[in-house]
Amino acid sequence: MGKEAIKLSIDKEVLEIARQEIPNISRFTEECLRKYLGIGTTLTPLYKQQELLNTIGKCHLELHLMNEQKHIEDMKREAELEKVNYAWRSLFAHYRDTGRIDDELLQHAIKVLGVNRDDLIDIIELAYAYLHRDRIDITDWQKVYEKYGN
């Protein structure tokens, strides 16, 4: 590969310091260009590294946003589950403490739990009757429903 002479314009101050620090400016410039362009190396050229970094940054951002979206969805599910469990716990606690079913709590629980009135009353009575025998987590509507709702 042949060499070609070119004319470069460089700031005088920079050139003075470069001449003191770099014995062969031409060779140094050529080596810098080789590295930048990726000539004679298996490494990614420097000018393409910025593109790669941008792509990695975009992927990282997308992953972060996906994780945030998943976190938001998880929080919504947890909030919905807490709403369901709260409706059940309120209704059951009132029955456990008073021996009667509060109609307002029952109506709210019917809407939230999606169970009809008669079935919900049966579940309350069964859960109360077998509270100590079955030893299930009575605060967890899903577990209560699996045990007594079917």
Protein backbone atom coordinates (compact mmCIF):
# COMPACT_ATOMS: atom_id res chain seq x y z
CA MET A 1 0.00 0.00 0.00
CA GLY A 2 1.50 3.31 -1.11
CA LYS A 3 1.67 6.53 0.85
CA GLU A 4 0.27 9.86 -0.20
CA ALA A 5 1.27 13.28 1.10
CA ILE A 6 -1.57 15.56 2.18
CA LYS A 7 -1.77 19.04 3.60
CA LEU A 8 -3.29 19.40 7.09
CA SER A 9 -4.28 22.56 8.86
CA ILE A 10 -3.56 22.35 12.59
CA ASP A 11 -3.62 25.04 15.23
CA LYS A 12 -0.06 26.36 15.79
CA GLU A 13 -0.11 25.80 19.54
CA VAL A 14 -1.35 22.24 19.12
CA LEU A 15 1.32 21.56 16.48
CA GLU A 16 4.12 22.88 18.71
CA ILE A 17 3.10 20.64 21.60
CA ALA A 18 2.55 17.69 19.25
CA ARG A 19 6.06 18.04 17.79
CA GLN A 20 7.49 17.93 21.30
CA GLU A 21 5.41 14.94 22.44
CA ILE A 22 5.08 12.92 19.24
CA PRO A 23 8.28 12.15 17.34
CA ASN A 24 6.52 11.07 14.11
CA ILE A 25 3.26 13.00 13.66
CA SER A 26 2.55 11.39 10.29
CA ARG A 27 2.80 7.85 11.70
CA PHE A 28 0.77 8.83 14.76
CA THR A 29 -1.97 10.36 12.57
CA GLU A 30 -2.04 7.29 10.35
CA GLU A 31 -2.33 4.97 13.39
CA CYS A 32 -5.14 7.10 14.81
CA LEU A 33 -7.00 6.91 11.50
CA ARG A 34 -6.47 3.14 11.33
CA LYS A 35 -7.96 2.71 14.80
CA TYR A 36 -10.82 5.05 14.07
CA LEU A 37 -11.66 3.25 10.83
CA GLY A 38 -10.94 -0.23 12.14
CA ILE A 39 -8.27 -0.98 9.56
CA GLY A 40 -5.89 -3.80 10.48
CA THR A 41 -7.71 -4.79 13.66
CA THR A 42 -10.47 -7.14 14.64
CA LEU A 43 -11.88 -4.57 17.04
CA THR A 44 -14.94 -2.50 16.21
CA PRO A 45 -13.91 0.75 14.52
CA LEU A 46 -14.14 3.75 16.82
CA TYR A 47 -16.60 5.57 14.58
CA LYS A 48 -18.96 2.59 14.79
CA GLN A 49 -18.57 2.29 18.54
CA GLN A 50 -20.69 5.39 19.07
CA GLU A 51 -23.44 3.84 16.95
CA LEU A 52 -23.19 0.69 19.06
CA LEU A 53 -23.29 2.71 22.26
CA ASN A 54 -26.37 4.54 21.01
CA THR A 55 -28.04 1.23 20.16
CA ILE A 56 -27.08 -0.22 23.55
CA GLY A 57 -28.42 2.92 25.23
CA LYS A 58 -31.73 2.64 23.36
CA CYS A 59 -32.00 -1.05 24.25
CA HIS A 60 -31.20 -0.26 27.87
CA LEU A 61 -33.88 2.43 27.91
CA GLU A 62 -36.44 0.09 26.32
CA LEU A 63 -35.61 -2.62 28.85
CA HIS A 64 -35.94 -0.11 31.68
CA LEU A 65 -39.32 1.04 30.36
CA MET A 66 -40.48 -2.57 29.99
CA ASN A 67 -39.43 -3.26 33.59
CA GLU A 68 -41.25 -0.15 34.77
CA GLN A 69 -44.36 -1.20 32.85
CA LYS A 70 -44.19 -4.67 34.40
CA HIS A 71 -43.74 -3.11 37.84
CA ILE A 72 -46.79 -0.90 37.28
CA GLU A 73 -48.84 -3.90 36.14
CA ASP A 74 -47.66 -5.90 39.16
CA MET A 75 -48.62 -3.03 41.47
CA LYS A 76 -52.07 -2.83 39.83
CA ARG A 77 -52.56 -6.58 40.33
CA GLU A 78 -51.45 -6.30 43.95
CA ALA A 79 -53.79 -3.35 44.51
CA GLU A 80 -56.68 -5.28 42.97
CA LEU A 81 -55.84 -8.33 45.05
CA GLU A 82 -55.70 -6.18 48.19
CA LYS A 83 -59.07 -4.67 47.29
CA VAL A 84 -60.54 -8.17 46.96
CA ASN A 85 -58.93 -9.42 50.17
CA TYR A 86 -60.02 -6.31 52.06
CA ALA A 87 -63.64 -6.78 51.00
CA TRP A 88 -63.51 -10.40 52.15
CA ARG A 89 -61.68 -9.67 55.42
CA SER A 90 -64.08 -6.86 56.35
CA LEU A 91 -67.11 -9.04 55.74
CA PHE A 92 -65.69 -12.09 57.49
CA ALA A 93 -64.32 -10.14 60.48
CA HIS A 94 -67.72 -8.54 61.05
CA TYR A 95 -69.40 -11.96 60.94
CA ARG A 96 -66.78 -13.49 63.22
CA ASP A 97 -67.09 -10.67 65.76
CA THR A 98 -70.88 -10.19 65.73
CA GLY A 99 -72.30 -13.46 64.44
CA ARG A 100 -74.27 -11.64 61.77
CA ILE A 101 -73.68 -10.56 58.20
CA ASP A 102 -73.67 -6.81 57.61
CA ASP A 103 -75.77 -6.11 54.52
CA GLU A 104 -73.69 -3.13 53.35
CA LEU A 105 -70.44 -5.12 53.62
CA LEU A 106 -72.15 -8.06 51.90
CA GLN A 107 -73.31 -5.93 48.97
CA HIS A 108 -69.83 -4.45 48.55
CA ALA A 109 -68.19 -7.90 48.74
CA ILE A 110 -70.64 -9.30 46.16
CA LYS A 111 -69.51 -6.60 43.70
CA VAL A 112 -65.81 -6.89 44.45
CA LEU A 113 -65.58 -10.67 44.78
CA GLY A 114 -67.93 -11.48 41.91
CA VAL A 115 -69.82 -14.13 43.90
CA ASN A 116 -73.61 -14.27 44.26
CA ARG A 117 -75.26 -13.57 47.59
CA ASP A 118 -76.23 -17.11 48.57
CA ASP A 119 -72.85 -18.57 47.65
CA LEU A 120 -71.01 -15.86 49.57
CA ILE A 121 -73.13 -16.43 52.66
CA ASP A 122 -72.40 -20.16 52.43
CA ILE A 123 -68.68 -19.45 52.12
CA ILE A 124 -68.74 -17.15 55.17
CA GLU A 125 -70.53 -19.74 57.27
CA LEU A 126 -68.27 -22.60 56.15
CA ALA A 127 -65.11 -20.55 56.68
CA TYR A 128 -66.28 -19.62 60.17
CA ALA A 129 -67.38 -23.15 61.07
CA TYR A 130 -64.10 -24.74 59.93
CA LEU A 131 -61.76 -21.89 60.83
CA HIS A 132 -59.74 -23.84 63.39
CA ARG A 133 -60.02 -27.24 61.76
CA ASP A 134 -58.83 -26.35 58.25
CA ARG A 135 -56.14 -23.85 59.26
CA ILE A 136 -56.13 -21.98 55.97
CA ASP A 137 -55.15 -18.33 55.66
CA ILE A 138 -58.60 -16.87 56.23
CA THR A 139 -57.40 -13.41 55.12
CA ASP A 140 -56.66 -14.66 51.59
CA TRP A 141 -59.86 -14.67 49.53
CA GLN A 142 -58.38 -16.90 46.84
CA LYS A 143 -57.51 -19.61 49.36
CA VAL A 144 -60.89 -19.33 51.07
CA TYR A 145 -62.72 -19.51 47.74
CA GLU A 146 -60.68 -22.51 46.60
CA LYS A 147 -61.52 -24.32 49.84
CA TYR A 148 -65.19 -23.41 50.33
CA GLY A 149 -66.40 -21.86 47.09
CA ASN A 150 -66.45 -24.89 44.85
